[in-house]
Amino acid sequence: MAHLVGPDGAPIAVGDGLGVPVEQWQPGDLIVQSHVLQLPADIPTGEYWLQTGAYWLDTQERWAFQLSDGSTSDHLLLDKITILE
């Protein structure tokens, strides 16, 4: 998943879709994705975050993973984006 989220964590723009069924994955596979996020025309100026993660399509349950500090999460904040006028 690729989401642009606001300060409250709510998604502003979503670009999901893996394109490679899990059943076809093999050990050692490297899957590279590209997402296009369509921003709403009326998006307010301010700071937003790019967020990534993965989830099961049938249940929408997010996958948990371990962060470098040892904690677990179901998403990863990638970078802050500032929307200007």
PDB file of N, CA and C in Angstrom:
ATOM      1  N   MET A   1       0.841  -1.184   0.000  1.00  0.00           N
ATOM      2  CA  MET A   1       0.000   0.000   0.000  1.00  0.00           C
ATOM      3  C   MET A   1       0.881   1.240   0.000  1.00  0.00           C
ATOM      4  N   ALA A   2       0.379   2.274  -0.582  1.00  0.00           N
ATOM      5  CA  ALA A   2       1.015   3.586  -0.556  1.00  0.00           C
ATOM      6  C   ALA A   2      -0.089   4.593  -0.261  1.00  0.00           C
ATOM      7  N   HIS A   3       0.056   5.298   0.840  1.00  0.00           N
ATOM      8  CA  HIS A   3      -0.952   6.271   1.243  1.00  0.00           C
ATOM      9  C   HIS A   3      -0.283   7.602   1.538  1.00  0.00           C
ATOM     10  N   LEU A   4      -0.954   8.676   1.212  1.00  0.00           N
ATOM     11  CA  LEU A   4      -0.586   9.990   1.713  1.00  0.00           C
ATOM     12  C   LEU A   4      -1.571  10.275   2.825  1.00  0.00           C
ATOM     13  N   VAL A   5      -1.062  10.488   4.047  1.00  0.00           N
ATOM     14  CA  VAL A   5      -1.940  10.674   5.193  1.00  0.00           C
ATOM     15  C   VAL A   5      -1.748  12.070   5.776  1.00  0.00           C
ATOM     16  N   GLY A   6      -2.835  12.578   6.361  1.00  0.00           N
ATOM     17  CA  GLY A   6      -2.799  13.875   7.011  1.00  0.00           C
ATOM     18  C   GLY A   6      -2.259  13.765   8.422  1.00  0.00           C
ATOM     19  N   PRO A   7      -2.190  14.887   9.123  1.00  0.00           N
ATOM     20  CA  PRO A   7      -1.658  14.899  10.489  1.00  0.00           C
ATOM     21  C   PRO A   7      -2.422  13.965  11.436  1.00  0.00           C
ATOM     22  N   ASP A   8      -3.694  13.718  11.156  1.00  0.00           N
ATOM     23  CA  ASP A   8      -4.495  12.826  12.003  1.00  0.00           C
ATOM     24  C   ASP A   8      -4.373  11.358  11.588  1.00  0.00           C
ATOM     25  N   GLY A   9      -3.583  11.074  10.540  1.00  0.00           N
ATOM     26  CA  GLY A   9      -3.402   9.703  10.073  1.00  0.00           C
ATOM     27  C   GLY A   9      -4.435   9.253   9.055  1.00  0.00           C
ATOM     28  N   ALA A  10      -5.408  10.106   8.768  1.00  0.00           N
ATOM     29  CA  ALA A  10      -6.445   9.754   7.794  1.00  0.00           C
ATOM     30  C   ALA A  10      -5.871   9.830   6.381  1.00  0.00           C
ATOM     31  N   PRO A  11      -6.209   8.848   5.526  1.00  0.00           N
ATOM     32  CA  PRO A  11      -5.690   8.868   4.148  1.00  0.00           C
ATOM     33  C   PRO A  11      -6.281  10.010   3.326  1.00  0.00           C
ATOM     34  N   ILE A  12      -5.412  10.697   2.597  1.00  0.00           N
ATOM     35  CA  ILE A  12      -5.801  11.770   1.685  1.00  0.00           C
ATOM     36  C   ILE A  12      -5.802  11.237   0.249  1.00  0.00           C
ATOM     37  N   ALA A  13      -4.817  10.393  -0.063  1.00  0.00           N
ATOM     38  CA  ALA A  13      -4.701   9.764  -1.382  1.00  0.00           C
ATOM     39  C   ALA A  13      -4.182   8.346  -1.170  1.00  0.00           C
ATOM     40  N   VAL A  14      -4.713   7.401  -1.960  1.00  0.00           N
ATOM     41  CA  VAL A  14      -4.378   5.993  -1.790  1.00  0.00           C
ATOM     42  C   VAL A  14      -3.931   5.416  -3.134  1.00  0.00           C
ATOM     43  N   GLY A  15      -2.837   4.663  -3.103  1.00  0.00           N
ATOM     44  CA  GLY A  15      -2.360   3.947  -4.282  1.00  0.00           C
ATOM     45  C   GLY A  15      -2.036   2.523  -3.876  1.00  0.00           C
ATOM     46  N   ASP A  16      -3.007   1.655  -3.875  1.00  0.00           N
ATOM     47  CA  ASP A  16      -2.803   0.276  -3.448  1.00  0.00           C
ATOM     48  C   ASP A  16      -2.820  -0.653  -4.654  1.00  0.00           C
ATOM     49  N   GLY A  17      -2.354  -1.842  -4.440  1.00  0.00           N
ATOM     50  CA  GLY A  17      -2.379  -2.856  -5.486  1.00  0.00           C
ATOM     51  C   GLY A  17      -0.993  -3.403  -5.734  1.00  0.00           C
ATOM     52  N   LEU A  18      -0.828  -4.684  -5.493  1.00  0.00           N
ATOM     53  CA  LEU A  18       0.479  -5.306  -5.630  1.00  0.00           C
ATOM     54  C   LEU A  18       0.757  -5.734  -7.059  1.00  0.00           C
ATOM     55  N   GLY A  19      -0.217  -6.339  -7.712  1.00  0.00           N
ATOM     56  CA  GLY A  19      -0.020  -6.763  -9.082  1.00  0.00           C
ATOM     57  C   GLY A  19       0.672  -8.109  -9.242  1.00  0.00           C
ATOM     58  N   VAL A  20       1.068  -8.715  -8.131  1.00  0.00           N
ATOM     59  CA  VAL A  20       1.708 -10.038  -8.170  1.00  0.00           C
ATOM     60  C   VAL A  20       1.029 -10.890  -7.091  1.00  0.00           C
ATOM     61  N   PRO A  21       0.247 -11.897  -7.473  1.00  0.00           N
ATOM     62  CA  PRO A  21      -0.456 -12.709  -6.476  1.00  0.00           C
ATOM     63  C   PRO A  21       0.526 -13.387  -5.506  1.00  0.00           C
ATOM     64  N   VAL A  22       0.176 -13.403  -4.231  1.00  0.00           N
ATOM     65  CA  VAL A  22       1.013 -14.009  -3.195  1.00  0.00           C
ATOM     66  C   VAL A  22       1.345 -15.460  -3.548  1.00  0.00           C
ATOM     67  N   GLU A  23       0.421 -16.151  -4.178  1.00  0.00           N
ATOM     68  CA  GLU A  23       0.634 -17.552  -4.533  1.00  0.00           C
ATOM     69  C   GLU A  23       1.800 -17.743  -5.507  1.00  0.00           C
ATOM     70  N   GLN A  24       2.197 -16.694  -6.190  1.00  0.00           N
ATOM     71  CA  GLN A  24       3.298 -16.777  -7.153  1.00  0.00           C
ATOM     72  C   GLN A  24       4.650 -16.379  -6.561  1.00  0.00           C
ATOM     73  N   TRP A  25       4.659 -15.886  -5.315  1.00  0.00           N
ATOM     74  CA  TRP A  25       5.919 -15.482  -4.695  1.00  0.00           C
ATOM     75  C   TRP A  25       6.811 -16.695  -4.485  1.00  0.00           C
ATOM     76  N   GLN A  26       8.105 -16.490  -4.648  1.00  0.00           N
ATOM     77  CA  GLN A  26       9.107 -17.521  -4.419  1.00  0.00           C
ATOM     78  C   GLN A  26      10.167 -16.965  -3.471  1.00  0.00           C
ATOM     79  N   PRO A  27      10.791 -17.819  -2.653  1.00  0.00           N
ATOM     80  CA  PRO A  27      11.870 -17.334  -1.779  1.00  0.00           C
ATOM     81  C   PRO A  27      12.930 -16.593  -2.603  1.00  0.00           C
ATOM     82  N   GLY A  28      13.329 -15.443  -2.120  1.00  0.00           N
ATOM     83  CA  GLY A  28      14.344 -14.648  -2.797  1.00  0.00           C
ATOM     84  C   GLY A  28      13.785 -13.639  -3.795  1.00  0.00           C
ATOM     85  N   ASP A  29      12.467 -13.674  -4.037  1.00  0.00           N
ATOM     86  CA  ASP A  29      11.871 -12.698  -4.956  1.00  0.00           C
ATOM     87  C   ASP A  29      12.060 -11.281  -4.418  1.00  0.00           C
ATOM     88  N   LEU A  30      12.256 -10.355  -5.327  1.00  0.00           N
ATOM     89  CA  LEU A  30      12.298  -8.934  -5.009  1.00  0.00           C
ATOM     90  C   LEU A  30      11.193  -8.283  -5.827  1.00  0.00           C
ATOM     91  N   ILE A  31      10.246  -7.666  -5.144  1.00  0.00           N
ATOM     92  CA  ILE A  31       9.105  -7.047  -5.822  1.00  0.00           C
ATOM     93  C   ILE A  31       9.233  -5.538  -5.670  1.00  0.00           C
ATOM     94  N   VAL A  32       9.294  -4.837  -6.793  1.00  0.00           N
ATOM     95  CA  VAL A  32       9.413  -3.384  -6.803  1.00  0.00           C
ATOM     96  C   VAL A  32       8.104  -2.817  -7.324  1.00  0.00           C
ATOM     97  N   GLN A  33       7.582  -1.822  -6.614  1.00  0.00           N
ATOM     98  CA  GLN A  33       6.312  -1.225  -7.002  1.00  0.00           C
ATOM     99  C   GLN A  33       6.457   0.263  -7.253  1.00  0.00           C
ATOM    100  N   SER A  34       5.557   0.771  -8.052  1.00  0.00           N
ATOM    101  CA  SER A  34       5.440   2.196  -8.290  1.00  0.00           C
ATOM    102  C   SER A  34       3.971   2.552  -8.141  1.00  0.00           C
ATOM    103  N   HIS A  35       3.686   3.613  -7.404  1.00  0.00           N
ATOM    104  CA  HIS A  35       2.303   4.036  -7.194  1.00  0.00           C
ATOM    105  C   HIS A  35       2.144   5.497  -7.611  1.00  0.00           C
ATOM    106  N   VAL A  36       0.995   5.818  -8.151  1.00  0.00           N
ATOM    107  CA  VAL A  36       0.639   7.198  -8.459  1.00  0.00           C
ATOM    108  C   VAL A  36      -0.460   7.597  -7.482  1.00  0.00           C
ATOM    109  N   LEU A  37      -0.226   8.670  -6.764  1.00  0.00           N
ATOM    110  CA  LEU A  37      -1.221   9.163  -5.810  1.00  0.00           C
ATOM    111  C   LEU A  37      -1.864  10.422  -6.392  1.00  0.00           C
ATOM    112  N   GLN A  38      -3.163  10.347  -6.646  1.00  0.00           N
ATOM    113  CA  GLN A  38      -3.907  11.486  -7.167  1.00  0.00           C
ATOM    114  C   GLN A  38      -4.371  12.346  -5.993  1.00  0.00           C
ATOM    115  N   LEU A  39      -3.817  13.546  -5.883  1.00  0.00           N
ATOM    116  CA  LEU A  39      -4.195  14.433  -4.792  1.00  0.00           C
ATOM    117  C   LEU A  39      -5.501  15.148  -5.119  1.00  0.00           C
ATOM    118  N   PRO A  40      -6.354  15.322  -4.103  1.00  0.00           N
ATOM    119  CA  PRO A  40      -7.598  16.075  -4.336  1.00  0.00           C
ATOM    120  C   PRO A  40      -7.271  17.511  -4.753  1.00  0.00           C
ATOM    121  N   ALA A  41      -8.074  18.074  -5.634  1.00  0.00           N
ATOM    122  CA  ALA A  41      -7.852  19.447  -6.103  1.00  0.00           C
ATOM    123  C   ALA A  41      -7.925  20.454  -4.965  1.00  0.00           C
ATOM    124  N   ASP A  42      -8.717  20.133  -3.940  1.00  0.00           N
ATOM    125  CA  ASP A  42      -8.910  21.074  -2.832  1.00  0.00           C
ATOM    126  C   ASP A  42      -8.077  20.717  -1.596  1.00  0.00           C
ATOM    127  N   ILE A  43      -6.974  19.995  -1.773  1.00  0.00           N
ATOM    128  CA  ILE A  43      -6.153  19.606  -0.629  1.00  0.00           C
ATOM    129  C   ILE A  43      -5.609  20.865   0.054  1.00  0.00           C
ATOM    130  N   PRO A  44      -5.782  20.966   1.368  1.00  0.00           N
ATOM    131  CA  PRO A  44      -5.267  22.139   2.073  1.00  0.00           C
ATOM    132  C   PRO A  44      -3.737  22.139   2.117  1.00  0.00           C
ATOM    133  N   THR A  45      -3.159  23.335   2.185  1.00  0.00           N
ATOM    134  CA  THR A  45      -1.724  23.421   2.381  1.00  0.00           C
ATOM    135  C   THR A  45      -1.383  22.819   3.734  1.00  0.00           C
ATOM    136  N   GLY A  46      -0.176  22.315   3.858  1.00  0.00           N
ATOM    137  CA  GLY A  46       0.238  21.740   5.135  1.00  0.00           C
ATOM    138  C   GLY A  46       1.147  20.554   4.936  1.00  0.00           C
ATOM    139  N   GLU A  47       1.423  19.871   6.044  1.00  0.00           N
ATOM    140  CA  GLU A  47       2.327  18.736   6.031  1.00  0.00           C
ATOM    141  C   GLU A  47       1.556  17.423   6.028  1.00  0.00           C
ATOM    142  N   TYR A  48       2.030  16.490   5.199  1.00  0.00           N
ATOM    143  CA  TYR A  48       1.441  15.171   5.056  1.00  0.00           C
ATOM    144  C   TYR A  48       2.582  14.151   5.078  1.00  0.00           C
ATOM    145  N   TRP A  49       2.233  12.894   5.245  1.00  0.00           N
ATOM    146  CA  TRP A  49       3.241  11.836   5.289  1.00  0.00           C
ATOM    147  C   TRP A  49       2.946  10.767   4.260  1.00  0.00           C
ATOM    148  N   LEU A  50       4.007  10.270   3.608  1.00  0.00           N
ATOM    149  CA  LEU A  50       3.885   9.075   2.778  1.00  0.00           C
ATOM    150  C   LEU A  50       3.998   7.869   3.694  1.00  0.00           C
ATOM    151  N   GLN A  51       3.107   6.929   3.527  1.00  0.00           N
ATOM    152  CA  GLN A  51       3.042   5.746   4.387  1.00  0.00           C
ATOM    153  C   GLN A  51       2.957   4.501   3.516  1.00  0.00           C
ATOM    154  N   THR A  52       3.627   3.447   3.915  1.00  0.00           N
ATOM    155  CA  THR A  52       3.565   2.191   3.184  1.00  0.00           C
ATOM    156  C   THR A  52       3.317   1.045   4.145  1.00  0.00           C
ATOM    157  N   GLY A  53       2.960  -0.088   3.593  1.00  0.00           N
ATOM    158  CA  GLY A  53       2.705  -1.293   4.368  1.00  0.00           C
ATOM    159  C   GLY A  53       2.077  -2.330   3.447  1.00  0.00           C
ATOM    160  N   ALA A  54       1.582  -3.376   4.042  1.00  0.00           N
ATOM    161  CA  ALA A  54       0.932  -4.441   3.267  1.00  0.00           C
ATOM    162  C   ALA A  54      -0.258  -4.968   4.064  1.00  0.00           C
ATOM    163  N   TYR A  55      -1.237  -5.512   3.351  1.00  0.00           N
ATOM    164  CA  TYR A  55      -2.407  -6.071   4.026  1.00  0.00           C
ATOM    165  C   TYR A  55      -2.982  -7.198   3.183  1.00  0.00           C
ATOM    166  N   TRP A  56      -3.752  -8.056   3.856  1.00  0.00           N
ATOM    167  CA  TRP A  56      -4.464  -9.131   3.168  1.00  0.00           C
ATOM    168  C   TRP A  56      -5.663  -8.532   2.458  1.00  0.00           C
ATOM    169  N   LEU A  57      -5.791  -8.804   1.168  1.00  0.00           N
ATOM    170  CA  LEU A  57      -6.862  -8.225   0.369  1.00  0.00           C
ATOM    171  C   LEU A  57      -8.239  -8.663   0.847  1.00  0.00           C
ATOM    172  N   ASP A  58      -8.393  -9.936   1.223  1.00  0.00           N
ATOM    173  CA  ASP A  58      -9.719 -10.438   1.589  1.00  0.00           C
ATOM    174  C   ASP A  58     -10.224  -9.903   2.927  1.00  0.00           C
ATOM    175  N   THR A  59      -9.329  -9.641   3.884  1.00  0.00           N
ATOM    176  CA  THR A  59      -9.761  -9.186   5.213  1.00  0.00           C
ATOM    177  C   THR A  59      -9.395  -7.734   5.509  1.00  0.00           C
ATOM    178  N   GLN A  60      -8.540  -7.143   4.669  1.00  0.00           N
ATOM    179  CA  GLN A  60      -8.013  -5.794   4.893  1.00  0.00           C
ATOM    180  C   GLN A  60      -7.119  -5.713   6.138  1.00  0.00           C
ATOM    181  N   GLU A  61      -6.775  -6.872   6.728  1.00  0.00           N
ATOM    182  CA  GLU A  61      -5.906  -6.887   7.906  1.00  0.00           C
ATOM    183  C   GLU A  61      -4.476  -6.571   7.478  1.00  0.00           C
ATOM    184  N   ARG A  62      -3.887  -5.580   8.153  1.00  0.00           N
ATOM    185  CA  ARG A  62      -2.524  -5.192   7.822  1.00  0.00           C
ATOM    186  C   ARG A  62      -1.518  -6.187   8.390  1.00  0.00           C
ATOM    187  N   TRP A  63      -0.410  -6.344   7.662  1.00  0.00           N
ATOM    188  CA  TRP A  63       0.672  -7.212   8.112  1.00  0.00           C
ATOM    189  C   TRP A  63       1.512  -6.449   9.129  1.00  0.00           C
ATOM    190  N   ALA A  64       1.877  -7.119  10.197  1.00  0.00           N
ATOM    191  CA  ALA A  64       2.774  -6.529  11.193  1.00  0.00           C
ATOM    192  C   ALA A  64       4.215  -6.845  10.796  1.00  0.00           C
ATOM    193  N   PHE A  65       5.121  -5.934  11.115  1.00  0.00           N
ATOM    194  CA  PHE A  65       6.541  -6.168  10.874  1.00  0.00           C
ATOM    195  C   PHE A  65       7.351  -5.498  11.973  1.00  0.00           C
ATOM    196  N   GLN A  66       8.589  -5.897  12.092  1.00  0.00           N
ATOM    197  CA  GLN A  66       9.448  -5.378  13.147  1.00  0.00           C
ATOM    198  C   GLN A  66      10.283  -4.219  12.618  1.00  0.00           C
ATOM    199  N   LEU A  67      10.290  -3.131  13.372  1.00  0.00           N
ATOM    200  CA  LEU A  67      11.086  -1.960  13.024  1.00  0.00           C
ATOM    201  C   LEU A  67      12.510  -2.125  13.550  1.00  0.00           C
ATOM    202  N   SER A  68      13.406  -1.274  13.101  1.00  0.00           N
ATOM    203  CA  SER A  68      14.815  -1.387  13.482  1.00  0.00           C
ATOM    204  C   SER A  68      15.031  -1.205  14.984  1.00  0.00           C
ATOM    205  N   ASP A  69      14.110  -0.518  15.665  1.00  0.00           N
ATOM    206  CA  ASP A  69      14.260  -0.341  17.118  1.00  0.00           C
ATOM    207  C   ASP A  69      13.676  -1.504  17.918  1.00  0.00           C
ATOM    208  N   GLY A  70      13.176  -2.526  17.220  1.00  0.00           N
ATOM    209  CA  GLY A  70      12.625  -3.705  17.882  1.00  0.00           C
ATOM    210  C   GLY A  70      11.125  -3.662  18.083  1.00  0.00           C
ATOM    211  N   SER A  71      10.507  -2.503  17.908  1.00  0.00           N
ATOM    212  CA  SER A  71       9.055  -2.405  18.044  1.00  0.00           C
ATOM    213  C   SER A  71       8.387  -2.966  16.791  1.00  0.00           C
ATOM    214  N   THR A  72       7.080  -3.191  16.877  1.00  0.00           N
ATOM    215  CA  THR A  72       6.332  -3.674  15.719  1.00  0.00           C
ATOM    216  C   THR A  72       5.332  -2.612  15.268  1.00  0.00           C
ATOM    217  N   SER A  73       4.967  -2.677  14.001  1.00  0.00           N
ATOM    218  CA  SER A  73       4.011  -1.730  13.441  1.00  0.00           C
ATOM    219  C   SER A  73       3.303  -2.381  12.265  1.00  0.00           C
ATOM    220  N   ASP A  74       2.188  -1.779  11.836  1.00  0.00           N
ATOM    221  CA  ASP A  74       1.490  -2.262  10.648  1.00  0.00           C
ATOM    222  C   ASP A  74       1.627  -1.281   9.488  1.00  0.00           C
ATOM    223  N   HIS A  75       2.485  -0.267   9.659  1.00  0.00           N
ATOM    224  CA  HIS A  75       2.762   0.685   8.585  1.00  0.00           C
ATOM    225  C   HIS A  75       4.124   1.329   8.833  1.00  0.00           C
ATOM    226  N   LEU A  76       4.651   1.958   7.804  1.00  0.00           N
ATOM    227  CA  LEU A  76       5.942   2.624   7.898  1.00  0.00           C
ATOM    228  C   LEU A  76       5.801   4.003   7.280  1.00  0.00           C
ATOM    229  N   LEU A  77       6.152   5.033   8.062  1.00  0.00           N
ATOM    230  CA  LEU A  77       6.145   6.388   7.522  1.00  0.00           C
ATOM    231  C   LEU A  77       7.434   6.595   6.745  1.00  0.00           C
ATOM    232  N   LEU A  78       7.312   6.995   5.481  1.00  0.00           N
ATOM    233  CA  LEU A  78       8.478   7.121   4.614  1.00  0.00           C
ATOM    234  C   LEU A  78       9.067   8.519   4.595  1.00  0.00           C
ATOM    235  N   ASP A  79       8.255   9.518   4.348  1.00  0.00           N
ATOM    236  CA  ASP A  79       8.779  10.865   4.205  1.00  0.00           C
ATOM    237  C   ASP A  79       7.652  11.867   4.409  1.00  0.00           C
ATOM    238  N   LYS A  80       8.031  13.052   4.868  1.00  0.00           N
ATOM    239  CA  LYS A  80       7.065  14.129   5.043  1.00  0.00           C
ATOM    240  C   LYS A  80       6.968  14.918   3.735  1.00  0.00           C
ATOM    241  N   ILE A  81       5.759  15.260   3.352  1.00  0.00           N
ATOM    242  CA  ILE A  81       5.486  16.037   2.144  1.00  0.00           C
ATOM    243  C   ILE A  81       4.812  17.342   2.580  1.00  0.00           C
ATOM    244  N   THR A  82       5.285  18.458   2.058  1.00  0.00           N
ATOM    245  CA  THR A  82       4.656  19.735   2.349  1.00  0.00           C
ATOM    246  C   THR A  82       3.915  20.229   1.117  1.00  0.00           C
ATOM    247  N   ILE A  83       2.624  20.457   1.258  1.00  0.00           N
ATOM    248  CA  ILE A  83       1.803  20.982   0.172  1.00  0.00           C
ATOM    249  C   ILE A  83       1.776  22.494   0.314  1.00  0.00           C
ATOM    250  N   LEU A  84       2.231  23.178  -0.743  1.00  0.00           N
ATOM    251  CA  LEU A  84       2.237  24.636  -0.761  1.00  0.00           C
ATOM    252  C   LEU A  84       1.098  25.153  -1.620  1.00  0.00           C
ATOM    253  N   GLU A  85       0.864  26.429  -1.564  1.00  0.00           N
ATOM    254  CA  GLU A  85      -0.186  27.037  -2.395  1.00  0.00           C
ATOM    255  C   GLU A  85       0.103  26.881  -3.853  1.00  0.00           C
TER     256      GLU A  85
END
